[in-house]
Amino acid sequence: MMNVMKLDKHLAYLNGLFTLLFVGVLFIGSAEVFIMAYTVVFIIVVVRTLMTPGRRKTRRHLVLAYTAILIVQITMLNNVLYSEAEVVDIPSFIFRRILGLILLCLPMLVSRYVAKVEYTHYYLPSVKETATVGISQLLNTTNNIKRTAEIINESKKKLCLDNLKILAHDMTRHDSFRYVNSDSLSEEYFKKARESFNDPNIYIVISHSGSPASEFISVFTRKQYNHASISFDKKLETTISYNGGERVYPPGLNMEMLEFFRKSPDSKIMVYSLSCTAEQKQQMLDRIAKINKEGSAYNILGLFIHKRKRKPNIMFCSQFVYNMLEDVGLSYFKRSDNKISPTDLVELDYYRKLKFELEITFG
């Protein structure tokens, strides 16, 4: 098998070529050009990671690390390189371009370092070894290439310029270290939730909204449903979760209306019920009221690199749903809450505690 140093040599030429091309355009480029450059390099390093054999956990962590780097790049682009206070003097112009190039090279440097330290072989054979490659190995290589091509084509659609610009702008509203949301829930919400206590179920909602954030996450999870919520009633009038606040409220614990999930023609939600007593609903509502009063924030950092929350009320959506169930004794599987994905809430229901209620499509 080809040694990783040979692979790294070939990829270094490719990375160098892209770097030279971008050096030429970045010195006269706009914010859109920067974003395109960051995205192309991101795709290169992710494809390299997916095509290189090794421990699955290592590859997964690398993809998450590259995602975090892309978020940092776009955030720096909006807050430093191209802030609202545009500076036109030559020193600032040069500084911004140099910083942009440093950020551009960051994921490639990480990729090169990890390749030398972690990987020892690559599944594509050298010319000398081709004669000994079996049919099964060739088929495996072909399938990997096809799968990678599919990932690239899908990623190009979901990581389009418009989506990345929206995500970059929205990142400035988040904070994974302090509470930015409080008292977003009205007394009317708590009144409706109490009125549902005669319903013997709590409702778990997983959704595919088609929002830029949902599309971005789906590139890496390879899942259609990337948001989870909880509702006290079947009509979903008391749906609640951790979200971005729809630019009305700060990111954190917020109520969700059905319109919240309608972001694209293929938006849909799946609703499941779980048996629940009135006492358990009251305990959950008390916990929600406590979070609403103390404050909350959406754990955007933990979403991508699975870091534990710094404060108890900093969570992402599936983390919130799991903790609500766990707190009142309704959890039906065990997993670290910082590793819960929305689809886990359904797929890990080995004891069939959930009952499928309905699917709602918005097309």
Protein backbone atom coordinates (compact mmCIF):
# COMPACT_ATOMS: atom_id res chain seq x y z
CA MET A 1 0.00 0.00 0.00
CA MET A 2 1.12 3.55 -0.69
CA ASN A 3 2.88 5.12 2.24
CA VAL A 4 1.17 8.21 3.60
CA MET A 5 4.27 10.26 2.83
CA LYS A 6 3.75 9.61 -0.89
CA LEU A 7 0.10 10.59 -0.55
CA ASP A 8 1.03 13.68 1.38
CA LYS A 9 3.50 14.66 -1.37
CA HIS A 10 0.81 14.48 -4.06
CA LEU A 11 -1.70 16.35 -1.93
CA ALA A 12 0.89 18.97 -1.07
CA TYR A 13 1.12 19.78 -4.79
CA LEU A 14 -2.67 20.07 -4.95
CA ASN A 15 -2.86 22.21 -1.83
CA GLY A 16 0.00 24.36 -3.12
CA LEU A 17 -1.76 24.87 -6.42
CA PHE A 18 -4.94 26.05 -4.73
CA THR A 19 -2.93 28.30 -2.44
CA LEU A 20 -1.17 29.95 -5.39
CA LEU A 21 -4.46 30.47 -7.19
CA PHE A 22 -6.04 32.06 -4.15
CA VAL A 23 -3.04 34.25 -3.43
CA GLY A 24 -3.63 35.86 -6.81
CA VAL A 25 -7.30 36.61 -6.22
CA LEU A 26 -7.38 37.31 -2.51
CA PHE A 27 -5.29 40.47 -2.81
CA ILE A 28 -7.98 41.98 -4.99
CA GLY A 29 -10.87 39.81 -3.73
CA SER A 30 -14.04 40.48 -1.81
CA ALA A 31 -15.58 38.76 1.20
CA GLU A 32 -17.35 36.38 -1.19
CA VAL A 33 -14.00 35.32 -2.69
CA PHE A 34 -12.61 34.63 0.78
CA ILE A 35 -15.61 32.46 1.64
CA MET A 36 -15.30 30.53 -1.61
CA ALA A 37 -11.61 29.94 -0.92
CA TYR A 38 -12.25 28.73 2.62
CA THR A 39 -15.00 26.42 1.37
CA VAL A 40 -12.87 24.85 -1.38
CA VAL A 41 -9.98 24.15 0.99
CA PHE A 42 -12.46 22.79 3.53
CA ILE A 43 -13.82 20.34 0.94
CA ILE A 44 -10.27 19.28 -0.01
CA VAL A 45 -9.21 18.41 3.54
CA VAL A 46 -12.51 16.70 4.36
CA VAL A 47 -12.35 14.55 1.22
CA ARG A 48 -8.74 13.67 2.05
CA THR A 49 -9.80 12.63 5.54
CA LEU A 50 -12.70 10.51 4.28
CA MET A 51 -10.55 8.77 1.67
CA THR A 52 -7.65 8.01 3.99
CA PRO A 53 -7.95 4.80 6.03
CA GLY A 54 -7.45 4.86 9.75
CA ARG A 55 -9.41 4.88 12.95
CA ARG A 56 -12.99 6.02 12.42
CA LYS A 57 -12.87 8.09 15.61
CA THR A 58 -9.81 9.95 14.35
CA ARG A 59 -11.44 10.76 11.00
CA ARG A 60 -14.61 11.89 12.74
CA HIS A 61 -12.71 14.22 15.05
CA LEU A 62 -10.75 15.62 12.11
CA VAL A 63 -13.91 16.48 10.18
CA LEU A 64 -15.32 18.18 13.27
CA ALA A 65 -12.05 20.08 13.70
CA TYR A 66 -12.12 21.27 10.08
CA THR A 67 -15.73 22.36 10.59
CA ALA A 68 -14.73 24.37 13.64
CA ILE A 69 -11.88 25.97 11.64
CA LEU A 70 -14.33 26.94 8.87
CA ILE A 71 -16.61 28.57 11.45
CA VAL A 72 -13.66 30.51 12.89
CA GLN A 73 -12.57 31.57 9.39
CA ILE A 74 -16.00 32.94 8.47
CA THR A 75 -16.44 34.59 11.86
CA MET A 76 -13.05 36.31 11.55
CA LEU A 77 -13.95 37.32 8.01
CA ASN A 78 -17.08 39.15 9.18
CA ASN A 79 -15.69 40.62 12.40
CA VAL A 80 -12.11 41.51 11.43
CA LEU A 81 -11.39 41.28 7.70
CA TYR A 82 -14.68 42.76 6.49
CA SER A 83 -16.37 44.42 9.44
CA GLU A 84 -19.05 47.07 9.02
CA ALA A 85 -16.43 49.76 9.65
CA GLU A 86 -14.59 49.28 6.35
CA VAL A 87 -10.99 50.53 6.45
CA VAL A 88 -9.37 51.58 3.19
CA ASP A 89 -5.82 52.57 4.22
CA ILE A 90 -3.02 50.47 2.72
CA PRO A 91 -1.58 48.96 6.00
CA SER A 92 -5.02 47.72 7.02
CA PHE A 93 -5.64 46.42 3.50
CA ILE A 94 -2.39 44.40 3.56
CA PHE A 95 -2.99 43.16 7.12
CA ARG A 96 -6.43 41.85 6.26
CA ARG A 97 -5.17 40.00 3.19
CA ILE A 98 -2.26 38.41 5.11
CA LEU A 99 -4.59 37.33 7.90
CA GLY A 100 -6.96 35.91 5.31
CA LEU A 101 -4.16 33.83 3.77
CA ILE A 102 -3.03 32.55 7.18
CA LEU A 103 -6.58 31.43 7.92
CA LEU A 104 -6.76 29.82 4.48
CA CYS A 105 -3.66 27.70 5.14
CA LEU A 106 -4.69 26.63 8.65
CA PRO A 107 -6.76 23.52 7.74
CA MET A 108 -4.09 22.35 5.25
CA LEU A 109 -1.40 22.62 7.94
CA VAL A 110 -3.55 20.60 10.34
CA SER A 111 -4.18 18.01 7.61
CA ARG A 112 -0.48 17.64 6.83
CA TYR A 113 0.52 17.35 10.48
CA VAL A 114 -2.10 14.72 11.30
CA ALA A 115 -1.21 12.70 8.18
CA LYS A 116 2.40 12.38 9.28
CA VAL A 117 1.56 11.56 12.88
CA GLU A 118 -1.54 9.37 12.59
CA TYR A 119 -1.77 7.58 9.25
CA THR A 120 0.63 4.93 7.96
CA HIS A 121 -0.96 3.84 4.68
CA TYR A 122 -3.49 4.75 2.03
CA TYR A 123 -5.93 2.47 0.30
CA LEU A 124 -4.98 3.44 -3.29
CA PRO A 125 -2.04 1.20 -4.39
CA SER A 126 1.16 2.29 -6.12
CA VAL A 127 1.84 1.28 -9.74
CA LYS A 128 4.16 -1.49 -8.59
CA GLU A 129 1.50 -2.91 -6.28
CA THR A 130 -1.36 -2.77 -8.78
CA ALA A 131 -0.76 -6.33 -10.03
CA THR A 132 -1.44 -7.73 -6.57
CA VAL A 133 -4.65 -5.84 -5.97
CA GLY A 134 -7.68 -8.12 -5.88
CA ILE A 135 -11.07 -7.47 -7.43
CA SER A 136 -12.60 -6.82 -4.03
CA GLN A 137 -10.00 -4.13 -3.30
CA LEU A 138 -10.67 -2.46 -6.64
CA LEU A 139 -14.40 -2.51 -6.03
CA ASN A 140 -13.85 -1.07 -2.57
CA THR A 141 -11.72 1.73 -4.02
CA THR A 142 -14.33 2.45 -6.71
CA ASN A 143 -17.12 2.58 -4.14
CA ASN A 144 -15.10 4.93 -1.94
CA ILE A 145 -14.46 7.26 -4.87
CA LYS A 146 -18.15 7.23 -5.86
CA ARG A 147 -19.20 7.90 -2.28
CA THR A 148 -16.73 10.75 -1.98
CA ALA A 149 -17.99 12.26 -5.26
CA GLU A 150 -21.55 12.10 -3.95
CA ILE A 151 -20.49 13.83 -0.73
CA ILE A 152 -18.76 16.59 -2.71
CA ASN A 153 -21.76 17.17 -4.99
CA GLU A 154 -24.13 17.30 -2.05
CA SER A 155 -21.81 19.55 -0.07
CA LYS A 156 -21.52 22.03 -2.95
CA LYS A 157 -25.29 22.52 -2.88
CA LYS A 158 -25.60 22.81 0.88
CA LEU A 159 -22.47 24.87 1.47
CA CYS A 160 -23.41 27.47 -1.10
CA LEU A 161 -22.27 31.06 -0.70
CA ASP A 162 -25.65 32.37 0.46
CA ASN A 163 -25.94 29.73 3.20
CA LEU A 164 -22.40 30.34 4.43
CA LYS A 165 -22.98 34.11 4.61
CA ILE A 166 -26.15 33.58 6.65
CA LEU A 167 -24.34 31.18 8.98
CA ALA A 168 -21.41 33.54 9.41
CA HIS A 169 -23.71 36.42 10.30
CA ASP A 170 -25.67 34.25 12.74
CA MET A 171 -22.51 33.04 14.51
CA THR A 172 -21.99 36.48 16.03
CA ARG A 173 -25.23 36.06 18.03
CA HIS A 174 -24.08 32.88 19.77
CA ASP A 175 -22.03 32.42 22.93
CA SER A 176 -21.05 29.01 24.32
CA PHE A 177 -19.62 30.41 27.55
CA ARG A 178 -22.25 32.75 29.01
CA TYR A 179 -26.03 33.11 29.06
CA VAL A 180 -27.43 35.41 26.37
CA ASN A 181 -31.13 34.50 26.61
CA SER A 182 -33.51 34.99 29.54
CA ASP A 183 -37.26 35.46 30.05
CA SER A 184 -38.04 34.62 26.43
CA LEU A 185 -41.03 32.47 27.46
CA SER A 186 -44.29 34.25 28.27
CA GLU A 187 -46.80 33.34 30.95
CA GLU A 188 -49.14 32.35 28.12
CA TYR A 189 -46.75 29.53 27.22
CA PHE A 190 -46.75 28.14 30.74
CA LYS A 191 -50.55 28.40 30.86
CA LYS A 192 -50.93 26.34 27.67
CA ALA A 193 -48.41 23.79 28.96
CA ARG A 194 -50.37 23.35 32.22
CA GLU A 195 -53.58 22.86 30.24
CA SER A 196 -52.00 19.81 28.60
CA PHE A 197 -51.50 17.94 31.86
CA ASN A 198 -54.58 15.80 31.17
CA ASP A 199 -52.82 14.45 28.05
CA PRO A 200 -50.94 11.30 29.21
CA ASN A 201 -48.07 11.86 26.77
CA ILE A 202 -45.11 14.08 26.14
CA TYR A 203 -44.21 14.58 22.47
CA ILE A 204 -40.76 14.37 20.90
CA VAL A 205 -40.37 16.21 17.60
CA ILE A 206 -37.50 15.75 15.17
CA SER A 207 -37.39 18.03 12.17
CA HIS A 208 -35.79 18.81 8.85
CA SER A 209 -36.35 22.51 8.37
CA GLY A 210 -34.05 23.09 5.40
CA SER A 211 -32.48 26.10 7.13
CA PRO A 212 -28.83 26.98 6.38
CA ALA A 213 -27.81 25.63 9.80
CA SER A 214 -29.70 22.37 9.21
CA GLU A 215 -28.17 21.96 5.74
CA PHE A 216 -24.70 22.66 7.11
CA ILE A 217 -25.02 20.08 9.90
CA SER A 218 -26.44 17.44 7.56
CA VAL A 219 -23.24 17.51 5.47
CA PHE A 220 -21.43 15.87 8.39
CA THR A 221 -24.15 13.89 10.15
CA ARG A 222 -25.45 12.45 6.85
CA LYS A 223 -28.88 12.61 8.48
CA GLN A 224 -32.02 14.26 7.17
CA TYR A 225 -33.37 15.31 10.57
CA ASN A 226 -31.05 17.62 12.48
CA HIS A 227 -33.22 19.34 15.08
CA ALA A 228 -35.08 18.00 18.13
CA SER A 229 -37.81 19.57 20.24
CA ILE A 230 -40.29 18.61 22.93
CA SER A 231 -43.99 19.48 23.19
CA PHE A 232 -46.50 19.10 26.01
CA ASP A 233 -49.44 18.72 23.61
CA LYS A 234 -50.13 16.83 20.38
CA LYS A 235 -51.13 19.99 18.50
CA LEU A 236 -47.58 21.24 19.07
CA GLU A 237 -48.73 24.54 20.56
CA THR A 238 -46.21 24.16 23.39
CA THR A 239 -43.19 23.04 21.35
CA ILE A 240 -39.94 24.18 22.91
CA SER A 241 -36.22 23.61 22.41
CA TYR A 242 -32.83 25.25 22.20
CA ASN A 243 -32.49 27.15 18.93
CA GLY A 244 -31.15 30.31 17.34
CA GLY A 245 -34.18 32.38 18.28
CA GLU A 246 -35.21 33.10 14.68
CA ARG A 247 -33.44 36.49 15.01
CA VAL A 248 -36.27 37.57 17.29
CA TYR A 249 -34.91 36.18 20.56
CA PRO A 250 -31.28 35.43 21.49
CA PRO A 251 -30.05 31.85 20.93
CA GLY A 252 -31.04 29.53 23.75
CA LEU A 253 -34.28 28.17 25.19
CA ASN A 254 -37.16 29.38 23.01
CA MET A 255 -40.69 28.41 22.07
CA GLU A 256 -41.17 27.07 18.54
CA MET A 257 -44.14 27.59 16.23
CA LEU A 258 -44.86 25.30 13.28
CA GLU A 259 -43.73 28.07 10.93
CA PHE A 260 -40.29 27.76 12.54
CA PHE A 261 -39.77 24.49 10.65
CA ARG A 262 -40.84 25.75 7.22
CA LYS A 263 -37.58 26.86 5.62
CA SER A 264 -37.65 24.94 2.33
CA PRO A 265 -40.14 23.06 0.10
CA ASP A 266 -39.00 19.70 1.48
CA SER A 267 -39.29 20.69 5.16
CA LYS A 268 -40.92 18.07 7.36
CA ILE A 269 -41.27 17.00 10.97
CA MET A 270 -41.85 13.66 12.69
CA VAL A 271 -43.79 13.50 15.93
CA TYR A 272 -43.52 10.70 18.51
CA SER A 273 -45.33 10.30 21.82
CA LEU A 274 -43.98 8.97 25.11
CA SER A 275 -46.18 8.04 28.08
CA CYS A 276 -45.88 10.63 30.80
CA THR A 277 -47.70 11.49 34.03
CA ALA A 278 -48.98 14.92 35.02
CA GLU A 279 -46.40 14.98 37.82
CA GLN A 280 -43.58 14.38 35.36
CA LYS A 281 -44.89 17.13 33.10
CA GLN A 282 -44.98 19.50 36.06
CA GLN A 283 -41.37 18.63 36.91
CA MET A 284 -40.29 19.35 33.34
CA LEU A 285 -42.22 22.62 33.27
CA ASP A 286 -40.60 23.65 36.55
CA ARG A 287 -37.19 22.93 35.07
CA ILE A 288 -38.04 24.98 31.97
CA ALA A 289 -39.23 27.88 34.15
CA LYS A 290 -35.96 27.73 36.10
CA ILE A 291 -33.87 27.87 32.91
CA ASN A 292 -36.03 30.69 31.57
CA LYS A 293 -35.38 32.72 34.71
CA GLU A 294 -31.66 31.93 35.13
CA GLY A 295 -30.78 32.37 31.48
CA SER A 296 -29.57 30.10 28.68
CA ALA A 297 -27.46 29.93 25.52
CA TYR A 298 -27.25 27.62 22.53
CA ASN A 299 -24.16 25.42 22.79
CA ILE A 300 -22.92 26.00 19.24
CA LEU A 301 -19.36 25.05 20.17
CA GLY A 302 -20.41 21.74 21.71
CA LEU A 303 -22.51 20.98 18.66
CA PHE A 304 -19.42 20.70 16.46
CA ILE A 305 -16.61 19.54 18.73
CA HIS A 306 -18.59 17.85 21.52
CA LYS A 307 -17.15 19.89 24.34
CA ARG A 308 -18.96 19.68 27.64
CA LYS A 309 -21.07 22.70 28.49
CA ARG A 310 -19.41 25.31 30.68
CA LYS A 311 -22.70 26.17 32.43
CA PRO A 312 -25.72 23.92 33.09
CA ASN A 313 -28.11 25.94 30.90
CA ILE A 314 -25.87 26.00 27.83
CA MET A 315 -27.10 23.20 25.57
CA PHE A 316 -27.97 22.28 22.00
CA CYS A 317 -31.40 20.97 20.99
CA SER A 318 -31.06 17.18 21.41
CA GLN A 319 -29.04 17.70 24.59
CA PHE A 320 -31.97 19.66 26.03
CA VAL A 321 -34.59 17.04 25.08
CA TYR A 322 -32.50 14.20 26.50
CA ASN A 323 -31.86 16.05 29.76
CA MET A 324 -35.55 16.86 30.19
CA LEU A 325 -36.44 13.18 29.87
CA GLU A 326 -33.54 12.10 32.06
CA ASP A 327 -34.46 14.54 34.85
CA VAL A 328 -37.96 13.08 35.29
CA GLY A 329 -37.08 9.41 34.78
CA LEU A 330 -38.36 9.09 31.20
CA SER A 331 -35.10 8.40 29.38
CA TYR A 332 -35.12 5.09 27.47
CA PHE A 333 -31.41 4.82 26.59
CA LYS A 334 -28.10 5.87 28.13
CA ARG A 335 -25.57 8.10 26.44
CA SER A 336 -23.42 11.08 27.36
CA ASP A 337 -25.67 14.09 26.77
CA ASN A 338 -22.98 15.99 24.83
CA LYS A 339 -23.01 13.25 22.17
CA ILE A 340 -26.77 13.04 21.59
CA SER A 341 -27.98 13.73 18.06
CA PRO A 342 -31.65 14.35 17.16
CA THR A 343 -32.02 11.01 15.37
CA ASP A 344 -30.59 9.18 18.41
CA LEU A 345 -33.83 10.00 20.21
CA VAL A 346 -35.63 7.70 17.77
CA GLU A 347 -32.97 5.28 16.58
CA LEU A 348 -31.85 4.29 20.10
CA ASP A 349 -35.38 3.45 21.22
CA TYR A 350 -34.54 -0.27 21.49
CA TYR A 351 -37.38 -0.99 23.90
CA ARG A 352 -39.97 0.71 21.68
CA LYS A 353 -41.07 3.22 24.28
CA LEU A 354 -41.97 5.76 21.61
CA LYS A 355 -45.12 5.68 19.52
CA PHE A 356 -45.14 7.29 16.09
CA GLU A 357 -47.93 9.85 15.91
CA LEU A 358 -47.69 11.78 12.67
CA GLU A 359 -45.56 13.30 9.96
CA ILE A 360 -46.08 16.89 8.84
CA THR A 361 -44.74 18.07 5.49
CA PHE A 362 -44.77 21.66 4.30
CA GLY A 363 -44.29 21.18 0.56
